[in-house]
N, C-alpha and C. Protein backbone atom coordinates (compact mmCIF):
# COMPACT_ATOMS: atom_id res chain seq x y z
N MET A 1 -36.00 -12.59 8.99
CA MET A 1 -35.33 -11.30 8.35
C MET A 1 -33.98 -11.12 8.02
N PRO A 2 -33.31 -11.27 6.90
CA PRO A 2 -31.74 -10.95 7.11
C PRO A 2 -31.47 -8.95 7.70
N LYS A 3 -30.71 -9.28 7.92
CA LYS A 3 -30.17 -7.44 8.14
C LYS A 3 -29.62 -6.83 7.08
N ASP A 4 -29.97 -6.03 6.67
CA ASP A 4 -29.40 -4.76 5.23
C ASP A 4 -28.05 -4.47 5.39
N ARG A 5 -27.71 -5.10 4.70
CA ARG A 5 -26.05 -4.91 5.00
C ARG A 5 -25.13 -3.89 4.43
N LYS A 6 -24.94 -2.35 4.92
CA LYS A 6 -24.28 -1.05 4.32
C LYS A 6 -22.94 -1.40 3.75
N LEU A 7 -23.54 -1.03 2.58
CA LEU A 7 -22.66 -1.29 1.35
C LEU A 7 -22.02 0.50 0.95
N LEU A 8 -20.70 0.55 0.41
CA LEU A 8 -19.62 1.06 0.18
C LEU A 8 -18.91 0.67 -0.42
N PHE A 9 -19.68 1.67 -1.76
CA PHE A 9 -18.18 1.77 -3.39
C PHE A 9 -17.39 2.97 -3.24
N VAL A 10 -16.07 2.48 -3.55
CA VAL A 10 -15.08 3.04 -3.11
C VAL A 10 -14.41 3.54 -4.52
N ILE A 11 -14.74 4.54 -5.86
CA ILE A 11 -14.01 5.23 -6.49
C ILE A 11 -13.06 5.93 -6.94
N ALA A 12 -11.29 5.44 -7.18
CA ALA A 12 -10.55 6.05 -7.67
C ALA A 12 -9.36 5.72 -8.14
N ASP A 13 -9.16 6.69 -8.36
CA ASP A 13 -7.77 7.03 -9.34
C ASP A 13 -6.42 7.81 -8.43
N GLY A 14 -5.69 8.05 -8.87
CA GLY A 14 -4.31 8.35 -8.33
C GLY A 14 -4.78 10.00 -7.94
N GLY A 15 -5.39 11.02 -8.09
CA GLY A 15 -5.82 12.56 -7.83
C GLY A 15 -7.48 12.41 -7.13
N HIS A 16 -8.53 11.46 -7.51
CA HIS A 16 -9.91 11.97 -6.63
C HIS A 16 -10.64 10.77 -6.52
N VAL A 17 -11.37 10.84 -5.78
CA VAL A 17 -12.34 9.93 -4.92
C VAL A 17 -13.55 9.82 -4.56
N ARG A 18 -14.74 9.40 -4.55
CA ARG A 18 -15.83 9.38 -4.43
C ARG A 18 -16.57 8.04 -3.57
N PHE A 19 -16.70 7.97 -2.82
CA PHE A 19 -17.29 7.38 -1.91
C PHE A 19 -19.24 7.13 -2.29
N VAL A 20 -19.46 6.46 -2.72
CA VAL A 20 -20.87 5.61 -2.93
C VAL A 20 -21.08 5.29 -2.62
N ARG A 21 -22.81 4.87 -2.88
CA ARG A 21 -23.97 4.00 -1.82
C ARG A 21 -24.68 3.79 -2.71
N PRO A 22 -25.13 2.71 -2.69
CA PRO A 22 -26.73 2.33 -3.47
C PRO A 22 -27.41 3.02 -2.52
N GLY A 23 -28.63 3.35 -3.19
CA GLY A 23 -30.05 4.02 -2.90
C GLY A 23 -31.07 3.48 -1.70
N GLU A 24 -31.65 3.85 -1.31
CA GLU A 24 -32.84 3.82 -0.03
C GLU A 24 -33.67 1.81 -0.61
N ASP A 25 -34.09 2.63 -2.03
CA ASP A 25 -34.66 1.45 -2.65
C ASP A 25 -33.66 0.65 -3.32
N ASN A 26 -33.04 0.39 -3.12
CA ASN A 26 -32.13 -0.14 -4.49
C ASN A 26 -32.76 -1.41 -5.12
N ALA A 27 -33.47 -2.48 -4.99
CA ALA A 27 -33.94 -3.34 -5.37
C ALA A 27 -33.96 -2.92 -6.85
N LEU A 28 -33.94 -4.26 -7.26
CA LEU A 28 -34.25 -4.48 -8.93
C LEU A 28 -34.80 -3.90 -9.76
N ARG A 29 -34.54 -2.81 -10.47
CA ARG A 29 -35.41 -1.85 -10.86
C ARG A 29 -35.26 -1.67 -11.78
N SER A 30 -35.78 -0.75 -13.02
CA SER A 30 -35.49 -0.09 -14.74
C SER A 30 -35.06 1.08 -14.58
N ASP A 31 -35.50 1.90 -13.13
CA ASP A 31 -34.72 2.93 -13.30
C ASP A 31 -33.44 2.37 -12.73
N ALA A 32 -32.59 2.57 -12.89
CA ALA A 32 -31.06 2.48 -12.48
C ALA A 32 -30.28 3.92 -12.39
N ALA A 33 -31.27 5.38 -13.05
CA ALA A 33 -30.62 6.40 -12.79
C ALA A 33 -30.42 6.32 -11.18
N ASN A 34 -31.57 5.99 -10.21
CA ASN A 34 -31.03 6.43 -8.77
C ASN A 34 -30.69 5.91 -7.82
N ALA A 35 -30.06 4.40 -8.72
CA ALA A 35 -30.30 2.91 -7.84
C ALA A 35 -28.59 3.26 -7.01
N LEU A 36 -27.61 4.27 -7.09
CA LEU A 36 -26.55 4.69 -6.72
C LEU A 36 -26.60 5.96 -6.72
N ARG A 37 -25.74 7.07 -5.69
CA ARG A 37 -25.29 7.98 -5.03
C ARG A 37 -24.22 8.68 -4.48
N SER A 38 -23.74 9.50 -4.76
CA SER A 38 -22.70 9.57 -4.02
C SER A 38 -22.62 10.57 -2.60
N ASP A 39 -22.28 9.99 -1.63
CA ASP A 39 -21.93 10.45 -0.36
C ASP A 39 -20.73 11.72 -0.58
N ALA A 40 -20.29 11.45 -0.78
CA ALA A 40 -18.26 12.85 -0.65
C ALA A 40 -17.64 11.97 -1.21
N ALA A 41 -16.91 13.32 -1.93
CA ALA A 41 -15.65 13.08 -2.60
C ALA A 41 -14.66 13.95 -2.16
N LEU A 42 -13.31 13.73 -2.47
CA LEU A 42 -12.34 14.11 -2.04
C LEU A 42 -11.18 14.15 -3.68
N ASP A 43 -10.73 15.63 -4.14
CA ASP A 43 -9.10 15.59 -4.99
C ASP A 43 -8.33 16.44 -3.70
N SER A 44 -7.09 15.33 -4.78
CA SER A 44 -5.92 15.95 -4.42
C SER A 44 -5.52 17.32 -4.36
N PHE A 45 -4.86 17.64 -3.17
CA PHE A 45 -4.76 19.00 -4.13
C PHE A 45 -3.86 19.46 -4.92
N THR A 46 -3.28 18.11 -5.02
CA THR A 46 -1.57 18.68 -5.47
C THR A 46 -1.90 17.52 -7.68
N ALA A 47 -3.07 16.84 -8.01
CA ALA A 47 -3.66 16.63 -9.11
C ALA A 47 -2.97 17.19 -10.19
N HIS A 48 -3.55 17.71 -10.63
CA HIS A 48 -3.06 19.35 -11.65
C HIS A 48 -1.64 19.79 -11.59
N LYS A 49 -1.23 19.57 -10.45
CA LYS A 49 0.03 21.01 -10.80
C LYS A 49 1.44 19.61 -11.11
N GLN A 50 2.36 20.76 -11.58
CA GLN A 50 2.98 20.57 -12.91
C GLN A 50 4.33 20.27 -11.75
N SER A 51 5.18 19.59 -12.59
CA SER A 51 6.31 18.63 -11.53
C SER A 51 7.07 19.87 -10.84
N THR A 52 7.57 21.08 -11.75
CA THR A 52 7.83 21.97 -11.37
C THR A 52 7.52 22.41 -9.67
N ASP A 53 6.08 22.55 -9.77
CA ASP A 53 5.19 23.45 -8.95
C ASP A 53 5.86 22.12 -6.98
N LEU A 54 6.25 20.63 -7.65
CA LEU A 54 5.65 19.48 -6.94
C LEU A 54 7.03 19.82 -5.80
N ARG A 55 8.05 20.13 -6.52
CA ARG A 55 9.79 20.09 -5.55
C ARG A 55 10.33 21.36 -5.57
N SER A 56 11.27 21.05 -4.26
CA SER A 56 11.37 22.39 -3.87
C SER A 56 12.25 23.41 -4.80
N ASP A 57 13.16 22.51 -5.88
CA ASP A 57 13.80 23.56 -6.90
C ASP A 57 14.34 22.69 -8.32
N ARG A 58 14.94 22.95 -8.88
CA ARG A 58 15.73 21.82 -10.32
C ARG A 58 16.61 21.28 -9.69
N PRO A 59 17.13 19.64 -10.05
CA PRO A 59 17.65 18.59 -10.24
C PRO A 59 19.06 18.96 -9.37
N GLY A 60 19.55 18.53 -8.64
CA GLY A 60 21.43 19.06 -9.31
C GLY A 60 21.84 18.61 -10.56
N ALA A 61 22.92 19.16 -10.22
CA ALA A 61 23.35 18.83 -11.74
C ALA A 61 25.70 18.51 -11.41
N SER A 62 25.85 17.58 -12.39
CA SER A 62 26.95 16.76 -11.84
C SER A 62 28.43 17.55 -13.08
N TYR A 63 29.43 17.39 -13.21
CA TYR A 63 30.11 17.45 -14.50
C TYR A 63 31.13 16.77 -13.65
N HIS A 64 32.36 16.39 -15.08
CA HIS A 64 32.57 15.55 -15.30
C HIS A 64 34.19 16.70 -14.65
N THR A 65 35.48 15.88 -14.43
CA THR A 65 36.52 16.21 -13.81
C THR A 65 37.56 16.40 -15.41
N GLY A 66 37.98 17.93 -15.52
CA GLY A 66 38.43 18.08 -16.52
C GLY A 66 37.62 18.67 -17.84
N SER A 67 36.19 18.26 -17.41
CA SER A 67 35.74 19.25 -18.52
C SER A 67 34.38 19.96 -17.96
N SER A 68 33.86 21.12 -19.38
CA SER A 68 33.35 22.11 -18.29
C SER A 68 31.88 22.08 -18.83
N ALA A 69 31.10 20.46 -19.69
CA ALA A 69 30.04 20.44 -19.23
C ALA A 69 29.59 19.96 -18.26
N HIS A 70 28.33 20.41 -18.16
CA HIS A 70 27.37 19.49 -16.60
C HIS A 70 26.31 19.24 -17.60
N HIS A 71 25.94 18.13 -16.44
CA HIS A 71 25.29 16.83 -16.25
C HIS A 71 23.52 17.20 -15.30
N ALA A 72 22.32 17.45 -15.76
CA ALA A 72 21.65 17.02 -14.90
C ALA A 72 21.52 16.23 -14.39
N LEU A 73 20.69 16.02 -13.06
CA LEU A 73 20.36 14.54 -12.51
C LEU A 73 19.56 14.90 -12.00
N ALA A 74 18.96 13.12 -12.67
CA ALA A 74 17.49 13.14 -12.58
C ALA A 74 16.86 12.68 -11.27
N PRO A 75 15.68 12.73 -10.98
CA PRO A 75 15.59 13.44 -10.03
C PRO A 75 15.24 12.08 -9.18
N ARG A 76 15.53 11.19 -7.85
CA ARG A 76 15.32 10.01 -7.83
C ARG A 76 13.50 9.30 -7.64
N HIS A 77 12.92 10.99 -7.29
CA HIS A 77 11.26 10.15 -7.20
C HIS A 77 10.35 11.23 -7.98
N ASP A 78 9.93 10.08 -9.37
CA ASP A 78 8.81 11.47 -9.74
C ASP A 78 7.72 12.09 -8.81
N PRO A 79 8.06 12.94 -8.42
CA PRO A 79 7.52 13.88 -7.96
C PRO A 79 5.47 13.50 -7.28
N HIS A 80 4.70 13.14 -9.01
CA HIS A 80 3.78 12.92 -9.59
C HIS A 80 3.50 11.63 -8.54
N VAL A 81 4.52 10.88 -9.19
CA VAL A 81 4.23 9.16 -8.44
C VAL A 81 4.34 9.75 -6.15
N LEU A 82 5.19 10.12 -6.25
CA LEU A 82 4.76 10.65 -4.12
C LEU A 82 3.97 11.04 -4.07
N GLU A 83 3.15 11.94 -5.02
CA GLU A 83 2.47 13.10 -4.51
C GLU A 83 0.52 11.77 -4.68
N LYS A 84 0.60 10.60 -5.57
CA LYS A 84 -0.70 9.93 -5.48
C LYS A 84 -0.39 8.48 -4.84
N GLU A 85 0.99 8.31 -4.46
CA GLU A 85 0.81 7.67 -2.83
C GLU A 85 0.80 7.62 -1.65
N ARG A 86 1.14 9.40 -1.58
CA ARG A 86 0.13 10.00 -0.07
C ARG A 86 -0.77 10.41 -0.38
N PHE A 87 -2.14 10.00 -1.76
CA PHE A 87 -3.57 10.52 -1.78
C PHE A 87 -3.57 8.83 -1.18
N ALA A 88 -3.64 8.46 -1.92
CA ALA A 88 -3.98 6.72 -1.45
C ALA A 88 -3.74 6.62 -0.20
N ARG A 89 -2.82 7.03 0.53
CA ARG A 89 -2.68 6.78 2.05
C ARG A 89 -4.18 7.73 3.07
N ALA A 90 -3.76 8.53 1.90
CA ALA A 90 -5.30 9.85 3.04
C ALA A 90 -6.44 9.16 2.83
N VAL A 91 -7.17 8.25 1.12
CA VAL A 91 -7.66 7.44 1.29
C VAL A 91 -8.60 6.35 2.25
N ALA A 92 -6.94 5.71 2.13
CA ALA A 92 -6.78 4.57 3.04
C ALA A 92 -7.43 5.00 4.71
N ASP A 93 -6.12 5.56 5.18
CA ASP A 93 -6.56 6.67 6.49
C ASP A 93 -8.31 7.21 6.31
N GLN A 94 -8.93 7.47 5.60
CA GLN A 94 -10.10 7.60 5.52
C GLN A 94 -11.40 6.25 5.52
N LEU A 95 -11.19 4.86 4.96
CA LEU A 95 -11.36 4.16 4.81
C LEU A 95 -11.60 3.76 6.47
N ASN A 96 -10.58 3.90 7.06
CA ASN A 96 -10.34 2.96 8.23
C ASN A 96 -11.02 3.81 9.01
N ALA A 97 -11.02 4.94 8.99
CA ALA A 97 -11.35 5.80 9.90
C ALA A 97 -13.41 5.75 10.02
N ALA A 98 -13.68 5.16 8.50
CA ALA A 98 -15.17 4.86 8.78
C ALA A 98 -15.79 3.44 8.83
N ARG A 99 -14.40 2.74 8.39
CA ARG A 99 -15.25 1.20 9.48
C ARG A 99 -14.98 1.78 10.92
N ALA A 100 -14.18 2.37 11.73
CA ALA A 100 -14.02 2.51 12.84
C ALA A 100 -15.04 2.21 13.60
N VAL A 101 -16.62 3.29 13.12
CA VAL A 101 -17.18 4.62 13.44
C VAL A 101 -18.50 3.68 12.64
N GLY A 102 -18.78 2.53 12.29
CA GLY A 102 -19.94 1.38 11.74
C GLY A 102 -20.17 2.39 10.41
N ALA A 103 -19.79 2.64 9.78
CA ALA A 103 -19.90 4.14 8.16
C ALA A 103 -20.37 2.38 7.02
N PHE A 104 -20.02 1.71 7.53
CA PHE A 104 -19.76 0.36 6.57
C PHE A 104 -19.69 -0.47 6.82
N ASP A 105 -20.59 -1.69 6.50
CA ASP A 105 -20.29 -3.26 6.22
C ASP A 105 -19.03 -4.17 5.82
N GLU A 106 -19.34 -3.28 4.37
CA GLU A 106 -18.95 -4.65 2.88
C GLU A 106 -18.39 -2.95 2.42
N LEU A 107 -17.36 -3.65 1.32
CA LEU A 107 -16.78 -2.76 0.14
C LEU A 107 -15.98 -2.97 -0.76
N VAL A 108 -16.83 -2.58 -1.74
CA VAL A 108 -16.12 -2.35 -2.98
C VAL A 108 -14.58 -1.35 -3.91
N ILE A 109 -13.80 -1.55 -3.95
CA ILE A 109 -12.34 -0.54 -4.59
C ILE A 109 -12.61 -0.29 -5.84
N VAL A 110 -12.90 0.35 -6.37
CA VAL A 110 -13.30 0.41 -8.10
C VAL A 110 -11.82 0.76 -8.49
N ALA A 111 -10.12 1.31 -9.21
CA ALA A 111 -9.63 1.47 -9.44
C ALA A 111 -8.31 1.04 -9.92
N LEU A 112 -7.66 1.87 -10.26
CA LEU A 112 -6.48 0.97 -12.00
C LEU A 112 -5.92 0.62 -10.44
N PRO A 113 -5.47 -0.75 -11.58
CA PRO A 113 -4.80 -1.99 -10.67
C PRO A 113 -3.49 -0.73 -9.42
N HIS A 114 -2.89 0.46 -9.79
CA HIS A 114 -1.57 0.57 -8.67
C HIS A 114 -2.10 0.95 -8.31
N THR A 115 -3.53 2.12 -8.13
CA THR A 115 -4.04 2.79 -7.32
C THR A 115 -4.48 1.97 -5.87
N LEU A 116 -5.49 1.33 -6.64
CA LEU A 116 -6.00 -0.12 -6.53
C LEU A 116 -5.11 -0.78 -5.31
N THR A 117 -3.69 -0.86 -5.36
CA THR A 117 -2.37 -1.87 -4.15
C THR A 117 -2.10 -0.24 -3.43
N ALA A 118 -2.15 0.56 -4.34
CA ALA A 118 -1.36 1.42 -3.13
C ALA A 118 -2.59 1.55 -2.02
N ILE A 119 -3.83 1.76 -2.51
CA ILE A 119 -4.56 2.03 -1.09
C ILE A 119 -4.89 0.30 -0.78
N ARG A 120 -4.66 -0.96 -1.07
CA ARG A 120 -4.92 -1.47 -0.20
C ARG A 120 -3.86 -1.60 1.10
N GLN A 121 -2.41 -1.53 0.31
CA GLN A 121 -1.74 -1.43 1.30
C GLN A 121 -1.45 -1.21 2.92
N GLU A 122 -2.43 0.25 2.51
CA GLU A 122 -2.62 0.74 4.12
C GLU A 122 -3.55 1.14 5.12
N LEU A 123 -4.56 0.11 3.91
CA LEU A 123 -5.70 -0.01 4.96
C LEU A 123 -5.27 -1.33 5.70
N ASP A 124 -6.17 -1.28 7.52
CA ASP A 124 -5.66 -2.07 8.34
C ASP A 124 -6.72 -3.23 8.07
N THR A 125 -5.68 -4.37 8.67
CA THR A 125 -5.67 -5.88 8.98
C THR A 125 -7.97 -5.43 8.43
N ILE A 126 -8.48 -5.02 9.16
CA ILE A 126 -10.45 -5.15 10.05
C ILE A 126 -10.67 -4.57 8.28
N THR A 127 -10.05 -3.61 7.81
CA THR A 127 -11.61 -3.01 6.65
C THR A 127 -10.85 -3.95 5.71
N ASP A 128 -9.56 -4.11 5.74
CA ASP A 128 -9.42 -5.13 4.32
C ASP A 128 -10.09 -6.49 4.50
N ALA A 129 -10.56 -7.22 5.39
CA ALA A 129 -11.44 -7.95 5.40
C ALA A 129 -13.06 -7.74 5.02
N ARG A 130 -12.69 -6.37 5.09
CA ARG A 130 -14.36 -6.29 5.18
C ARG A 130 -13.92 -5.86 2.98
N ILE A 131 -13.64 -6.29 2.52
CA ILE A 131 -13.28 -5.94 0.74
C ILE A 131 -14.85 -6.93 0.45
N ILE A 132 -15.34 -7.00 -0.60
CA ILE A 132 -16.02 -8.07 -1.08
C ILE A 132 -15.74 -7.92 -2.38
N GLY A 133 -14.92 -6.91 -2.83
CA GLY A 133 -15.22 -7.20 -4.38
C GLY A 133 -14.25 -6.23 -4.61
N THR A 134 -13.21 -6.24 -6.13
CA THR A 134 -12.84 -5.25 -6.62
C THR A 134 -12.60 -5.24 -8.10
N LEU A 135 -12.89 -3.84 -8.95
CA LEU A 135 -12.95 -3.64 -10.25
C LEU A 135 -11.27 -3.02 -10.68
N HIS A 136 -10.96 -3.56 -11.53
CA HIS A 136 -9.42 -2.61 -12.52
C HIS A 136 -10.29 -1.48 -13.57
N LYS A 137 -11.42 -0.03 -12.96
CA LYS A 137 -12.01 0.43 -13.51
C LYS A 137 -11.83 2.03 -13.25
N ASP A 138 -11.03 2.84 -14.63
CA ASP A 138 -11.01 4.57 -13.57
C ASP A 138 -12.65 4.27 -14.18
N LEU A 139 -12.86 4.63 -13.59
CA LEU A 139 -15.09 5.01 -13.66
C LEU A 139 -15.18 6.31 -12.63
N THR A 140 -13.96 7.29 -12.11
CA THR A 140 -14.22 8.21 -11.20
C THR A 140 -14.80 9.73 -12.01
N LYS A 141 -14.99 9.82 -13.68
CA LYS A 141 -15.40 10.90 -14.57
C LYS A 141 -17.15 10.19 -14.91
N ILE A 142 -17.20 8.85 -14.20
CA ILE A 142 -18.51 8.35 -14.55
C ILE A 142 -19.78 9.32 -13.79
N PRO A 143 -20.56 9.60 -13.99
CA PRO A 143 -21.63 10.05 -13.26
C PRO A 143 -22.26 8.97 -12.32
N ASP A 144 -23.31 9.47 -11.61
CA ASP A 144 -23.82 8.31 -10.66
C ASP A 144 -24.87 7.31 -11.05
N GLU A 145 -25.25 8.27 -12.53
CA GLU A 145 -26.61 7.55 -12.66
C GLU A 145 -26.45 6.26 -13.71
N GLU A 146 -24.90 6.63 -14.34
CA GLU A 146 -24.45 5.81 -15.24
C GLU A 146 -23.37 4.69 -14.40
N LEU A 147 -23.64 4.72 -13.31
CA LEU A 147 -22.62 3.60 -12.37
C LEU A 147 -23.65 2.27 -12.28
N TRP A 148 -24.44 1.93 -12.83
CA TRP A 148 -25.23 0.98 -12.14
C TRP A 148 -24.99 -0.88 -13.24
N PRO A 149 -24.49 -0.44 -14.45
CA PRO A 149 -24.49 -1.25 -14.86
C PRO A 149 -22.61 -1.73 -14.88
N HIS A 150 -22.02 -1.18 -14.51
CA HIS A 150 -20.88 -1.13 -14.04
C HIS A 150 -20.18 -2.02 -12.33
N LEU A 151 -21.94 -1.65 -11.62
CA LEU A 151 -20.75 -1.99 -9.90
C LEU A 151 -23.00 -3.41 -9.70
N ARG A 152 -23.59 -3.66 -10.22
CA ARG A 152 -24.52 -4.10 -9.98
C ARG A 152 -24.77 -4.73 -9.33
N ALA A 153 -23.73 -5.71 -10.12
CA ALA A 153 -23.03 -7.23 -9.36
C ALA A 153 -23.18 -7.25 -7.87
N TRP A 154 -22.31 -6.08 -7.29
CA TRP A 154 -22.61 -6.17 -5.62
C TRP A 154 -23.22 -5.95 -4.84
N VAL A 155 -25.12 -4.88 -5.07
CA VAL A 155 -25.56 -4.23 -4.69
C VAL A 155 -27.11 -5.20 -5.18
N ARG A 156 -27.27 -5.77 -3.75
CA ARG A 156 -28.23 -6.92 -3.04
C ARG A 156 -29.62 -5.88 -2.75
N PRO A 157 -30.68 -6.94 -3.82
CA PRO A 157 -32.12 -5.78 -3.66
C PRO A 157 -31.89 -6.10 -1.96
N VAL A 158 -33.02 -4.41 -1.52
CA VAL A 158 -33.07 -4.15 -0.35
C VAL A 158 -34.79 -5.44 0.67
N HIS A 159 -34.84 -6.03 1.43
CA HIS A 159 -35.73 -7.10 2.01
C HIS A 159 -36.61 -5.64 2.52
N ARG A 160 -37.95 -5.79 2.20
CA ARG A 160 -38.41 -5.60 2.73
C ARG A 160 -39.68 -6.49 2.93
N ALA A 161 -40.63 -5.95 4.24
CA ALA A 161 -41.25 -6.49 5.41
C ALA A 161 -42.24 -6.24 4.77
N ILE A 162 -43.91 -7.30 4.73
CA ILE A 162 -44.72 -7.31 3.59
C ILE A 162 -45.78 -6.98 5.01
N SER A 163 -45.89 -5.74 4.41
CA SER A 163 -47.36 -5.48 5.65
C SER A 163 -48.65 -5.54 4.92
C-alpha cells in the first residue's frame, strides 16, 4: 500500500499567507466543503500601513544653484515593495523550518507571479525540490470551503485498507 504523502498548500500575497492542508478524508467526494482546511495564517504587520508610516521621514530635497526652487527627491525604494519582500522572506523561512521537521512532503505555492518569485528565491534547495506545483492566482480571500475547485488537481485520494 502506498504511503500517504503530506501535502501543504501555501496561499499568499504580499501581506497575507495561509497554510492549507487536505482534510483527513480527502477522497474525491461530493461535499468538497470539508476537503481543505487552513492550518495557520500569517499577516504582515505593515501590510496596510501608508508609505509615510513605513519610512523614517520625508525624502530629501535638492535645489539648483542660482535658484530658490527646491525639488523633492524620489525615494530609492518603494517602502511597500521592501515590506512585501521582507514578508516573502519570512514565509520562506517558515517553510524551510517546517520542511526541516517533516511537516510536509509535497508543496504547492499559490500566489501572484511577483510574490511567488520572491518566496521561491528565499527557499533552500531541499524545500524548493518539494514543490510539485504552482498556481498564479490570488486566493487569499477565498474561504476554505471554496478552494477545492482551484486546488483539487494536486490532492490525491487517501488509500484506505479494506477491512
